[in-house]
Amino acid sequence: MNSTRHPVILASSSPRRRELLGQAGVEFTVVVSGCDETPVPGESPQQMVERLALAKADAVAQGHSDAFVIGADTTVFIDGKALGKPESEAEACSMLATIAGRTHQVWGGIAVVNRTVGIREVWSHATDVSMATMTKDAIERYVRTGEPMDKAGAYAIQGLGLQLVESVNGSYSNVVGLNISALMERLRRLGAVG
C-alpha cells in the first residue's frame, strides 16, 4: 500500500480511473473539472490528450492549490481521426466497424499539478490495440449491451469489449483510462506518495 503524503485529487468523473488509482493504494478525492473537451482542429493525438489532461488538472488546482491534482484524457485514434465517445448506437456501430480487424492507437495523457510547490507536468503514452474481425451482427449485439456508449472508441477493454481485442502492445491500464504504472512512478518522484 502506498502512503499518501499530500492530498491527492483525481480531476475525473471516470469510474475506471477511480478504480485504477484506488487499486494502486492511493488515498484521493474526486473533483470533476467540467472542462470543455472539444478537439482543436489540426492537433495531433498527443497534443490533444496532453492539452485536455492539463486543462482538467489546472481547472481543479485553482481551488485546491495544496493538492496534487491528477488530470487525464484518453482517446482512440485510427486513420488520423479521433474516435471519442459515441453519441448514438449508430455511431458506436460505425466506430466498431472502422476498428474491426485492424490496429488502432489509444492515446492517454496525464497531468499532475500542485500550485503550492510549483509542479505542472504533463506527458502521454500510446498503446496499440489490435481488434478481432467482427460481423455486423456481433457489433450490433455488443452495442445493444449499452457498454460502448460512454467509452472512447465505443468499447471497454475491461468489460465485455475484451472479447473484441486480439492483442495489446503497451500499457493495458492506459487503454482502460490511466497508465497507472507511469503515474505512480511520477507521483513517487514528486513526493506525493511514499
N, C-alpha and C. Protein backbone atom coordinates (compact mmCIF):
# COMPACT_ATOMS: atom_id res chain seq x y z
N MET A 1 0.85 -1.19 0.00
CA MET A 1 0.00 0.00 0.00
C MET A 1 0.88 1.24 0.00
N ASN A 2 0.55 2.19 -0.85
CA ASN A 2 1.30 3.44 -0.92
C ASN A 2 0.79 4.39 0.15
N SER A 3 1.69 5.06 0.83
CA SER A 3 1.24 6.06 1.79
C SER A 3 1.15 7.39 1.06
N THR A 4 0.01 8.06 1.22
CA THR A 4 -0.20 9.35 0.57
C THR A 4 0.32 10.43 1.49
N ARG A 5 1.30 11.19 1.01
CA ARG A 5 1.95 12.20 1.83
C ARG A 5 1.26 13.55 1.75
N HIS A 6 0.56 13.80 0.68
CA HIS A 6 -0.12 15.07 0.45
C HIS A 6 -1.51 14.77 -0.08
N PRO A 7 -2.43 15.73 0.01
CA PRO A 7 -3.75 15.50 -0.59
C PRO A 7 -3.61 15.22 -2.09
N VAL A 8 -4.33 14.23 -2.56
CA VAL A 8 -4.33 13.88 -3.99
C VAL A 8 -5.78 13.97 -4.46
N ILE A 9 -5.96 14.66 -5.59
CA ILE A 9 -7.28 14.81 -6.19
C ILE A 9 -7.25 14.27 -7.61
N LEU A 10 -8.22 13.46 -7.94
CA LEU A 10 -8.39 12.99 -9.31
C LEU A 10 -9.43 13.89 -9.97
N ALA A 11 -9.02 14.61 -11.00
CA ALA A 11 -9.91 15.54 -11.70
C ALA A 11 -10.64 14.81 -12.82
N SER A 12 -11.43 13.81 -12.44
CA SER A 12 -12.11 12.98 -13.45
C SER A 12 -13.35 12.34 -12.84
N SER A 13 -14.39 12.23 -13.64
CA SER A 13 -15.59 11.53 -13.20
C SER A 13 -15.57 10.05 -13.60
N SER A 14 -14.50 9.61 -14.27
CA SER A 14 -14.43 8.25 -14.79
C SER A 14 -14.34 7.21 -13.66
N PRO A 15 -15.31 6.30 -13.59
CA PRO A 15 -15.22 5.24 -12.59
C PRO A 15 -14.03 4.32 -12.83
N ARG A 16 -13.60 4.19 -14.07
CA ARG A 16 -12.45 3.34 -14.38
C ARG A 16 -11.16 3.95 -13.83
N ARG A 17 -11.01 5.26 -13.97
CA ARG A 17 -9.82 5.91 -13.42
C ARG A 17 -9.82 5.84 -11.89
N ARG A 18 -11.00 6.04 -11.30
CA ARG A 18 -11.10 5.94 -9.83
C ARG A 18 -10.68 4.55 -9.37
N GLU A 19 -11.15 3.53 -10.07
CA GLU A 19 -10.82 2.16 -9.69
C GLU A 19 -9.33 1.88 -9.83
N LEU A 20 -8.72 2.32 -10.93
CA LEU A 20 -7.28 2.09 -11.14
C LEU A 20 -6.45 2.77 -10.05
N LEU A 21 -6.77 4.03 -9.74
CA LEU A 21 -6.00 4.75 -8.72
C LEU A 21 -6.20 4.13 -7.35
N GLY A 22 -7.41 3.69 -7.06
CA GLY A 22 -7.68 3.01 -5.80
C GLY A 22 -6.93 1.70 -5.68
N GLN A 23 -6.88 0.94 -6.78
CA GLN A 23 -6.15 -0.34 -6.78
C GLN A 23 -4.66 -0.12 -6.53
N ALA A 24 -4.15 1.07 -6.88
CA ALA A 24 -2.74 1.38 -6.64
C ALA A 24 -2.48 1.79 -5.19
N GLY A 25 -3.54 1.84 -4.39
CA GLY A 25 -3.36 2.14 -2.97
C GLY A 25 -3.27 3.61 -2.63
N VAL A 26 -3.69 4.47 -3.54
CA VAL A 26 -3.62 5.91 -3.30
C VAL A 26 -4.93 6.37 -2.65
N GLU A 27 -4.80 7.16 -1.59
CA GLU A 27 -5.97 7.80 -1.00
C GLU A 27 -6.18 9.12 -1.73
N PHE A 28 -7.40 9.32 -2.25
CA PHE A 28 -7.65 10.51 -3.06
C PHE A 28 -9.12 10.88 -2.98
N THR A 29 -9.40 12.10 -3.38
CA THR A 29 -10.78 12.55 -3.55
C THR A 29 -10.97 12.86 -5.03
N VAL A 30 -12.23 12.95 -5.42
CA VAL A 30 -12.57 13.25 -6.82
C VAL A 30 -13.21 14.63 -6.89
N VAL A 31 -12.69 15.46 -7.79
CA VAL A 31 -13.30 16.75 -8.11
C VAL A 31 -13.34 16.83 -9.63
N VAL A 32 -14.54 16.90 -10.18
CA VAL A 32 -14.68 16.91 -11.63
C VAL A 32 -14.42 18.32 -12.16
N SER A 33 -13.63 18.41 -13.23
CA SER A 33 -13.20 19.72 -13.75
C SER A 33 -14.28 20.44 -14.53
N GLY A 34 -15.09 19.71 -15.27
CA GLY A 34 -16.09 20.34 -16.12
C GLY A 34 -15.51 21.04 -17.33
N CYS A 35 -14.29 20.68 -17.72
CA CYS A 35 -13.63 21.33 -18.87
C CYS A 35 -14.31 20.97 -20.19
N ASP A 36 -14.23 21.90 -21.12
CA ASP A 36 -14.68 21.66 -22.49
C ASP A 36 -13.66 20.72 -23.14
N GLU A 37 -14.14 19.60 -23.68
CA GLU A 37 -13.24 18.61 -24.26
C GLU A 37 -13.31 18.58 -25.79
N THR A 38 -13.71 19.69 -26.38
CA THR A 38 -13.80 19.78 -27.84
C THR A 38 -12.41 19.72 -28.46
N PRO A 39 -12.20 18.83 -29.44
CA PRO A 39 -10.90 18.78 -30.11
C PRO A 39 -10.59 20.08 -30.84
N VAL A 40 -9.31 20.40 -30.94
CA VAL A 40 -8.86 21.57 -31.69
C VAL A 40 -8.41 21.09 -33.07
N PRO A 41 -8.94 21.68 -34.15
CA PRO A 41 -8.55 21.23 -35.48
C PRO A 41 -7.04 21.27 -35.69
N GLY A 42 -6.52 20.20 -36.26
CA GLY A 42 -5.10 20.15 -36.61
C GLY A 42 -4.17 19.65 -35.53
N GLU A 43 -4.65 19.46 -34.30
CA GLU A 43 -3.73 18.99 -33.27
C GLU A 43 -3.54 17.48 -33.38
N SER A 44 -2.37 17.03 -33.00
CA SER A 44 -2.05 15.60 -33.05
C SER A 44 -2.73 14.90 -31.88
N PRO A 45 -2.80 13.54 -31.93
CA PRO A 45 -3.35 12.80 -30.79
C PRO A 45 -2.63 13.14 -29.48
N GLN A 46 -1.31 13.21 -29.55
CA GLN A 46 -0.52 13.51 -28.35
C GLN A 46 -0.84 14.91 -27.84
N GLN A 47 -0.89 15.88 -28.73
CA GLN A 47 -1.21 17.25 -28.31
C GLN A 47 -2.59 17.32 -27.68
N MET A 48 -3.55 16.61 -28.25
CA MET A 48 -4.92 16.68 -27.75
C MET A 48 -5.04 16.12 -26.34
N VAL A 49 -4.53 14.90 -26.12
CA VAL A 49 -4.70 14.30 -24.79
C VAL A 49 -3.89 15.04 -23.73
N GLU A 50 -2.73 15.56 -24.11
CA GLU A 50 -1.94 16.32 -23.14
C GLU A 50 -2.62 17.66 -22.82
N ARG A 51 -3.15 18.33 -23.83
CA ARG A 51 -3.84 19.61 -23.60
C ARG A 51 -5.03 19.41 -22.67
N LEU A 52 -5.84 18.37 -22.94
CA LEU A 52 -7.04 18.15 -22.13
C LEU A 52 -6.70 17.69 -20.72
N ALA A 53 -5.71 16.81 -20.57
CA ALA A 53 -5.31 16.37 -19.23
C ALA A 53 -4.85 17.56 -18.39
N LEU A 54 -4.05 18.44 -19.00
CA LEU A 54 -3.53 19.60 -18.27
C LEU A 54 -4.65 20.60 -17.96
N ALA A 55 -5.57 20.79 -18.90
CA ALA A 55 -6.69 21.71 -18.66
C ALA A 55 -7.54 21.24 -17.48
N LYS A 56 -7.79 19.93 -17.40
CA LYS A 56 -8.58 19.38 -16.30
C LYS A 56 -7.86 19.58 -14.96
N ALA A 57 -6.57 19.26 -14.93
CA ALA A 57 -5.80 19.41 -13.69
C ALA A 57 -5.70 20.87 -13.27
N ASP A 58 -5.43 21.76 -14.23
CA ASP A 58 -5.32 23.19 -13.92
C ASP A 58 -6.63 23.74 -13.36
N ALA A 59 -7.75 23.33 -13.96
CA ALA A 59 -9.05 23.85 -13.53
C ALA A 59 -9.33 23.49 -12.07
N VAL A 60 -9.05 22.25 -11.70
CA VAL A 60 -9.31 21.80 -10.33
C VAL A 60 -8.27 22.38 -9.36
N ALA A 61 -7.02 22.50 -9.81
CA ALA A 61 -5.96 23.02 -8.93
C ALA A 61 -6.21 24.46 -8.51
N GLN A 62 -6.97 25.21 -9.29
CA GLN A 62 -7.26 26.60 -8.92
C GLN A 62 -7.94 26.69 -7.56
N GLY A 63 -8.76 25.71 -7.23
CA GLY A 63 -9.45 25.73 -5.95
C GLY A 63 -8.83 24.83 -4.90
N HIS A 64 -7.74 24.15 -5.26
CA HIS A 64 -7.10 23.19 -4.35
C HIS A 64 -5.58 23.29 -4.54
N SER A 65 -5.02 24.45 -4.21
CA SER A 65 -3.63 24.73 -4.56
C SER A 65 -2.62 23.85 -3.83
N ASP A 66 -2.98 23.29 -2.66
CA ASP A 66 -2.01 22.48 -1.91
C ASP A 66 -2.04 21.01 -2.31
N ALA A 67 -2.99 20.61 -3.15
CA ALA A 67 -3.14 19.20 -3.51
C ALA A 67 -2.36 18.86 -4.78
N PHE A 68 -2.04 17.59 -4.90
CA PHE A 68 -1.52 17.06 -6.16
C PHE A 68 -2.77 16.66 -6.97
N VAL A 69 -3.02 17.41 -8.03
CA VAL A 69 -4.21 17.20 -8.85
C VAL A 69 -3.81 16.43 -10.11
N ILE A 70 -4.52 15.33 -10.34
CA ILE A 70 -4.25 14.48 -11.50
C ILE A 70 -5.35 14.69 -12.53
N GLY A 71 -4.95 15.10 -13.72
CA GLY A 71 -5.86 15.21 -14.85
C GLY A 71 -5.52 14.14 -15.86
N ALA A 72 -6.51 13.62 -16.55
CA ALA A 72 -6.25 12.57 -17.53
C ALA A 72 -7.22 12.68 -18.69
N ASP A 73 -6.76 12.24 -19.84
CA ASP A 73 -7.63 12.17 -21.02
C ASP A 73 -7.19 10.97 -21.85
N THR A 74 -8.17 10.27 -22.40
CA THR A 74 -7.91 9.08 -23.21
C THR A 74 -8.74 9.17 -24.47
N THR A 75 -8.11 8.85 -25.59
CA THR A 75 -8.89 8.80 -26.82
C THR A 75 -8.31 7.76 -27.77
N VAL A 76 -9.14 7.31 -28.68
CA VAL A 76 -8.79 6.30 -29.67
C VAL A 76 -8.54 7.00 -31.00
N PHE A 77 -7.44 6.62 -31.66
CA PHE A 77 -7.12 7.20 -32.96
C PHE A 77 -6.91 6.11 -33.99
N ILE A 78 -7.47 6.34 -35.17
CA ILE A 78 -7.23 5.45 -36.30
C ILE A 78 -7.37 6.28 -37.57
N ASP A 79 -6.51 6.03 -38.52
CA ASP A 79 -6.53 6.77 -39.79
C ASP A 79 -6.46 8.28 -39.57
N GLY A 80 -5.73 8.70 -38.55
CA GLY A 80 -5.57 10.12 -38.29
C GLY A 80 -6.79 10.80 -37.69
N LYS A 81 -7.76 10.01 -37.24
CA LYS A 81 -9.01 10.57 -36.73
C LYS A 81 -9.25 10.09 -35.31
N ALA A 82 -9.72 11.00 -34.46
CA ALA A 82 -10.07 10.65 -33.08
C ALA A 82 -11.45 10.03 -33.05
N LEU A 83 -11.57 8.93 -32.31
CA LEU A 83 -12.87 8.32 -32.07
C LEU A 83 -13.19 8.54 -30.60
N GLY A 84 -14.02 9.51 -30.33
CA GLY A 84 -14.40 9.81 -28.95
C GLY A 84 -15.52 8.90 -28.49
N LYS A 85 -16.32 9.39 -27.56
CA LYS A 85 -17.46 8.62 -27.06
C LYS A 85 -18.61 8.74 -28.06
N PRO A 86 -19.19 7.63 -28.46
CA PRO A 86 -20.28 7.71 -29.44
C PRO A 86 -21.51 8.40 -28.87
N GLU A 87 -22.20 9.15 -29.73
CA GLU A 87 -23.39 9.87 -29.31
C GLU A 87 -24.67 9.12 -29.63
N SER A 88 -24.55 8.01 -30.34
CA SER A 88 -25.73 7.21 -30.67
C SER A 88 -25.28 5.76 -30.91
N GLU A 89 -26.24 4.84 -30.89
CA GLU A 89 -25.91 3.45 -31.19
C GLU A 89 -25.39 3.31 -32.61
N ALA A 90 -25.93 4.08 -33.53
CA ALA A 90 -25.46 4.01 -34.92
C ALA A 90 -24.00 4.45 -35.02
N GLU A 91 -23.64 5.50 -34.27
CA GLU A 91 -22.25 5.96 -34.28
C GLU A 91 -21.33 4.92 -33.64
N ALA A 92 -21.79 4.28 -32.57
CA ALA A 92 -20.99 3.22 -31.94
C ALA A 92 -20.75 2.08 -32.92
N CYS A 93 -21.78 1.68 -33.66
CA CYS A 93 -21.63 0.61 -34.67
C CYS A 93 -20.63 1.02 -35.74
N SER A 94 -20.70 2.26 -36.17
CA SER A 94 -19.78 2.77 -37.19
C SER A 94 -18.33 2.76 -36.69
N MET A 95 -18.13 3.20 -35.44
CA MET A 95 -16.78 3.19 -34.87
C MET A 95 -16.22 1.78 -34.79
N LEU A 96 -17.04 0.85 -34.31
CA LEU A 96 -16.57 -0.53 -34.18
C LEU A 96 -16.30 -1.15 -35.55
N ALA A 97 -17.09 -0.82 -36.54
CA ALA A 97 -16.84 -1.33 -37.90
C ALA A 97 -15.52 -0.78 -38.43
N THR A 98 -15.18 0.46 -38.06
CA THR A 98 -13.93 1.09 -38.51
C THR A 98 -12.71 0.40 -37.90
N ILE A 99 -12.78 0.02 -36.63
CA ILE A 99 -11.60 -0.56 -35.97
C ILE A 99 -11.55 -2.08 -36.06
N ALA A 100 -12.63 -2.72 -36.50
CA ALA A 100 -12.69 -4.19 -36.57
C ALA A 100 -11.59 -4.74 -37.48
N GLY A 101 -10.87 -5.74 -36.98
CA GLY A 101 -9.84 -6.40 -37.76
C GLY A 101 -8.60 -5.56 -38.02
N ARG A 102 -8.47 -4.45 -37.30
CA ARG A 102 -7.35 -3.52 -37.52
C ARG A 102 -6.69 -3.15 -36.19
N THR A 103 -5.56 -2.47 -36.30
CA THR A 103 -4.86 -1.98 -35.11
C THR A 103 -5.06 -0.47 -35.02
N HIS A 104 -5.44 -0.01 -33.84
CA HIS A 104 -5.57 1.43 -33.60
C HIS A 104 -4.71 1.81 -32.40
N GLN A 105 -4.58 3.09 -32.18
CA GLN A 105 -3.80 3.59 -31.05
C GLN A 105 -4.75 4.19 -30.01
N VAL A 106 -4.47 3.87 -28.76
CA VAL A 106 -5.15 4.53 -27.65
C VAL A 106 -4.12 5.47 -27.02
N TRP A 107 -4.42 6.75 -27.09
CA TRP A 107 -3.54 7.77 -26.51
C TRP A 107 -4.11 8.19 -25.16
N GLY A 108 -3.24 8.20 -24.16
CA GLY A 108 -3.62 8.64 -22.83
C GLY A 108 -2.70 9.75 -22.35
N GLY A 109 -3.27 10.87 -21.98
CA GLY A 109 -2.49 11.98 -21.43
C GLY A 109 -2.72 12.05 -19.93
N ILE A 110 -1.67 12.37 -19.19
CA ILE A 110 -1.76 12.53 -17.74
C ILE A 110 -1.06 13.83 -17.35
N ALA A 111 -1.68 14.58 -16.46
CA ALA A 111 -1.05 15.79 -15.92
C ALA A 111 -1.09 15.74 -14.40
N VAL A 112 -0.06 16.27 -13.78
CA VAL A 112 -0.03 16.42 -12.32
C VAL A 112 0.31 17.89 -12.04
N VAL A 113 -0.57 18.53 -11.24
CA VAL A 113 -0.39 19.94 -10.93
C VAL A 113 -0.49 20.13 -9.42
N ASN A 114 0.48 20.86 -8.85
CA ASN A 114 0.41 21.31 -7.46
C ASN A 114 0.87 22.76 -7.45
N ARG A 115 -0.07 23.66 -7.29
CA ARG A 115 0.24 25.09 -7.40
C ARG A 115 1.13 25.58 -6.26
N THR A 116 0.96 25.00 -5.06
CA THR A 116 1.74 25.46 -3.90
C THR A 116 3.23 25.22 -4.09
N VAL A 117 3.58 24.04 -4.61
CA VAL A 117 5.01 23.72 -4.78
C VAL A 117 5.50 23.94 -6.21
N GLY A 118 4.63 24.45 -7.07
CA GLY A 118 5.05 24.82 -8.43
C GLY A 118 5.25 23.65 -9.38
N ILE A 119 4.45 22.61 -9.22
CA ILE A 119 4.55 21.45 -10.13
C ILE A 119 3.44 21.55 -11.17
N ARG A 120 3.84 21.39 -12.43
CA ARG A 120 2.88 21.38 -13.55
C ARG A 120 3.49 20.52 -14.66
N GLU A 121 3.21 19.23 -14.60
CA GLU A 121 3.82 18.29 -15.54
C GLU A 121 2.73 17.58 -16.34
N VAL A 122 3.04 17.29 -17.58
CA VAL A 122 2.11 16.56 -18.44
C VAL A 122 2.90 15.64 -19.37
N TRP A 123 2.36 14.47 -19.62
CA TRP A 123 3.00 13.52 -20.51
C TRP A 123 1.93 12.61 -21.09
N SER A 124 2.33 11.76 -22.05
CA SER A 124 1.34 10.89 -22.68
C SER A 124 1.97 9.57 -23.11
N HIS A 125 1.10 8.62 -23.39
CA HIS A 125 1.51 7.28 -23.82
C HIS A 125 0.57 6.83 -24.93
N ALA A 126 1.10 6.02 -25.82
CA ALA A 126 0.26 5.39 -26.85
C ALA A 126 0.34 3.88 -26.69
N THR A 127 -0.79 3.23 -26.81
CA THR A 127 -0.87 1.77 -26.76
C THR A 127 -1.53 1.30 -28.05
N ASP A 128 -0.92 0.32 -28.72
CA ASP A 128 -1.50 -0.25 -29.92
C ASP A 128 -2.45 -1.38 -29.53
N VAL A 129 -3.66 -1.32 -30.03
CA VAL A 129 -4.66 -2.34 -29.75
C VAL A 129 -5.12 -2.94 -31.08
N SER A 130 -4.96 -4.25 -31.22
CA SER A 130 -5.41 -4.95 -32.41
C SER A 130 -6.73 -5.63 -32.12
N MET A 131 -7.72 -5.35 -32.97
CA MET A 131 -9.07 -5.85 -32.76
C MET A 131 -9.33 -7.08 -33.64
N ALA A 132 -10.20 -7.95 -33.15
CA ALA A 132 -10.64 -9.10 -33.93
C ALA A 132 -11.56 -8.62 -35.05
N THR A 133 -11.71 -9.45 -36.07
CA THR A 133 -12.72 -9.14 -37.08
C THR A 133 -14.10 -9.34 -36.43
N MET A 134 -15.05 -8.52 -36.83
CA MET A 134 -16.38 -8.58 -36.21
C MET A 134 -17.43 -8.52 -37.31
N THR A 135 -18.43 -9.37 -37.19
CA THR A 135 -19.55 -9.29 -38.12
C THR A 135 -20.45 -8.14 -37.71
N LYS A 136 -21.30 -7.71 -38.64
CA LYS A 136 -22.27 -6.65 -38.34
C LYS A 136 -23.16 -7.07 -37.17
N ASP A 137 -23.58 -8.35 -37.17
CA ASP A 137 -24.43 -8.84 -36.08
C ASP A 137 -23.72 -8.79 -34.74
N ALA A 138 -22.44 -9.18 -34.72
CA ALA A 138 -21.68 -9.16 -33.46
C ALA A 138 -21.52 -7.74 -32.94
N ILE A 139 -21.27 -6.80 -33.85
CA ILE A 139 -21.15 -5.40 -33.47
C ILE A 139 -22.47 -4.90 -32.87
N GLU A 140 -23.57 -5.20 -33.55
CA GLU A 140 -24.88 -4.72 -33.08
C GLU A 140 -25.25 -5.34 -31.73
N ARG A 141 -24.91 -6.63 -31.54
CA ARG A 141 -25.17 -7.29 -30.24
C ARG A 141 -24.41 -6.59 -29.12
N TYR A 142 -23.14 -6.30 -29.38
CA TYR A 142 -22.31 -5.64 -28.37
C TYR A 142 -22.86 -4.23 -28.07
N VAL A 143 -23.20 -3.50 -29.09
CA VAL A 143 -23.71 -2.14 -28.88
C VAL A 143 -25.02 -2.18 -28.08
N ARG A 144 -25.85 -3.16 -28.31
CA ARG A 144 -27.11 -3.27 -27.57
C ARG A 144 -26.91 -3.50 -26.07
N THR A 145 -25.73 -3.96 -25.65
CA THR A 145 -25.46 -4.12 -24.22
C THR A 145 -25.38 -2.76 -23.51
N GLY A 146 -25.15 -1.70 -24.29
CA GLY A 146 -25.01 -0.36 -23.72
C GLY A 146 -23.60 -0.02 -23.29
N GLU A 147 -22.73 -1.01 -23.20
CA GLU A 147 -21.37 -0.77 -22.70
C GLU A 147 -20.58 0.25 -23.53
N PRO A 148 -20.70 0.25 -24.86
CA PRO A 148 -19.87 1.17 -25.65
C PRO A 148 -20.22 2.65 -25.53
N MET A 149 -21.36 2.97 -24.96
CA MET A 149 -21.89 4.32 -25.11
C MET A 149 -21.13 5.42 -24.37
N ASP A 150 -20.37 5.12 -23.35
CA ASP A 150 -19.59 6.19 -22.71
C ASP A 150 -18.10 5.88 -22.76
N LYS A 151 -17.69 5.17 -23.82
CA LYS A 151 -16.29 4.78 -23.95
C LYS A 151 -15.70 5.33 -25.25
N ALA A 152 -14.50 5.89 -25.17
CA ALA A 152 -13.79 6.31 -26.37
C ALA A 152 -13.58 5.11 -27.28
N GLY A 153 -13.89 5.28 -28.56
CA GLY A 153 -13.73 4.18 -29.50
C GLY A 153 -14.85 3.16 -29.45
N ALA A 154 -15.80 3.34 -28.55
CA ALA A 154 -17.00 2.50 -28.44
C ALA A 154 -16.74 1.08 -27.95
N TYR A 155 -15.70 0.90 -27.11
CA TYR A 155 -15.53 -0.42 -26.49
C TYR A 155 -14.84 -0.25 -25.14
N ALA A 156 -15.08 -1.23 -24.26
CA ALA A 156 -14.47 -1.24 -22.93
C ALA A 156 -13.61 -2.49 -22.81
N ILE A 157 -12.30 -2.32 -22.82
CA ILE A 157 -11.40 -3.47 -22.76
C ILE A 157 -11.54 -4.20 -21.43
N GLN A 158 -11.97 -3.48 -20.37
CA GLN A 158 -12.09 -4.09 -19.05
C GLN A 158 -13.46 -4.73 -18.85
N GLY A 159 -14.29 -4.73 -19.89
CA GLY A 159 -15.63 -5.31 -19.78
C GLY A 159 -15.87 -6.33 -20.88
N LEU A 160 -17.08 -6.34 -21.38
CA LEU A 160 -17.45 -7.27 -22.45
C LEU A 160 -16.61 -7.03 -23.70
N GLY A 161 -16.12 -5.81 -23.88
CA GLY A 161 -15.32 -5.47 -25.05
C GLY A 161 -14.02 -6.22 -25.15
N LEU A 162 -13.58 -6.85 -24.06
CA LEU A 162 -12.34 -7.62 -24.10
C LEU A 162 -12.40 -8.72 -25.16
N GLN A 163 -13.59 -9.26 -25.39
CA GLN A 163 -13.73 -10.34 -26.37
C GLN A 163 -13.46 -9.85 -27.80
N LEU A 164 -13.44 -8.54 -28.01
CA LEU A 164 -13.19 -7.97 -29.33
C LEU A 164 -11.72 -7.69 -29.58
N VAL A 165 -10.90 -7.80 -28.53
CA VAL A 165 -9.49 -7.42 -28.60
C VAL A 165 -8.61 -8.64 -28.82
N GLU A 166 -7.78 -8.59 -29.87
CA GLU A 166 -6.84 -9.69 -30.13
C GLU A 166 -5.55 -9.52 -29.36
N SER A 167 -5.01 -8.29 -29.33
CA SER A 167 -3.74 -8.09 -28.62
C SER A 167 -3.57 -6.62 -28.24
N VAL A 168 -2.73 -6.43 -27.22
CA VAL A 168 -2.41 -5.10 -26.72
C VAL A 168 -0.90 -4.98 -26.68
N ASN A 169 -0.36 -3.94 -27.32
CA ASN A 169 1.08 -3.69 -27.30
C ASN A 169 1.30 -2.37 -26.58
N GLY A 170 1.66 -2.46 -25.30
CA GLY A 170 1.82 -1.28 -24.46
C GLY A 170 1.04 -1.45 -23.17
N SER A 171 0.74 -0.33 -22.53
CA SER A 171 0.09 -0.36 -21.22
C SER A 171 -1.40 -0.70 -21.35
N TYR A 172 -1.79 -1.80 -20.71
CA TYR A 172 -3.21 -2.18 -20.66
C TYR A 172 -4.01 -1.13 -19.90
N SER A 173 -3.47 -0.65 -18.76
CA SER A 173 -4.24 0.32 -17.96
C SER A 173 -4.41 1.65 -18.70
N ASN A 174 -3.51 1.96 -19.63
CA ASN A 174 -3.68 3.15 -20.46
C ASN A 174 -4.94 3.02 -21.30
N VAL A 175 -5.23 1.82 -21.79
CA VAL A 175 -6.43 1.59 -22.60
C VAL A 175 -7.68 1.72 -21.72
N VAL A 176 -7.59 1.27 -20.47
CA VAL A 176 -8.71 1.40 -19.54
C VAL A 176 -8.98 2.87 -19.23
N GLY A 177 -7.91 3.68 -19.16
CA GLY A 177 -8.12 5.11 -18.92
C GLY A 177 -7.03 5.83 -18.15
N LEU A 178 -6.02 5.09 -17.66
CA LEU A 178 -4.97 5.74 -16.87
C LEU A 178 -3.76 4.81 -16.81
N ASN A 179 -2.63 5.26 -17.36
CA ASN A 179 -1.41 4.46 -17.30
C ASN A 179 -0.90 4.50 -15.85
N ILE A 180 -1.35 3.54 -15.07
CA ILE A 180 -1.15 3.61 -13.63
C ILE A 180 0.31 3.44 -13.22
N SER A 181 1.08 2.59 -13.90
CA SER A 181 2.48 2.42 -13.51
C SER A 181 3.27 3.70 -13.75
N ALA A 182 3.03 4.37 -14.88
CA ALA A 182 3.73 5.62 -15.16
C ALA A 182 3.30 6.72 -14.19
N LEU A 183 2.01 6.77 -13.87
CA LEU A 183 1.53 7.78 -12.91
C LEU A 183 2.13 7.57 -11.53
N MET A 184 2.17 6.32 -11.05
CA MET A 184 2.69 6.06 -9.71
C MET A 184 4.18 6.39 -9.63
N GLU A 185 4.92 6.09 -10.69
CA GLU A 185 6.35 6.43 -10.69
C GLU A 185 6.51 7.94 -10.58
N ARG A 186 5.69 8.69 -11.29
CA ARG A 186 5.78 10.15 -11.26
C ARG A 186 5.35 10.70 -9.90
N LEU A 187 4.28 10.18 -9.32
CA LEU A 187 3.84 10.65 -8.01
C LEU A 187 4.88 10.37 -6.93
N ARG A 188 5.56 9.21 -7.02
CA ARG A 188 6.64 8.92 -6.05
C ARG A 188 7.80 9.89 -6.23
N ARG A 189 8.18 10.13 -7.49
CA ARG A 189 9.30 11.04 -7.76
C ARG A 189 9.00 12.46 -7.28
N LEU A 190 7.74 12.88 -7.40
CA LEU A 190 7.35 14.21 -6.97
C LEU A 190 7.12 14.32 -5.47
N GLY A 191 7.14 13.18 -4.77
CA GLY A 191 6.96 13.18 -3.32
C GLY A 191 5.52 13.22 -2.87
N ALA A 192 4.58 12.94 -3.80
CA ALA A 192 3.16 12.95 -3.43
C ALA A 192 2.78 11.72 -2.66
N VAL A 193 3.38 10.59 -2.99
CA VAL A 193 3.12 9.34 -2.29
C VAL A 193 4.45 8.68 -1.91
N GLY A 194 4.39 7.80 -0.91
CA GLY A 194 5.60 7.11 -0.45
C GLY A 194 5.80 5.80 -1.15
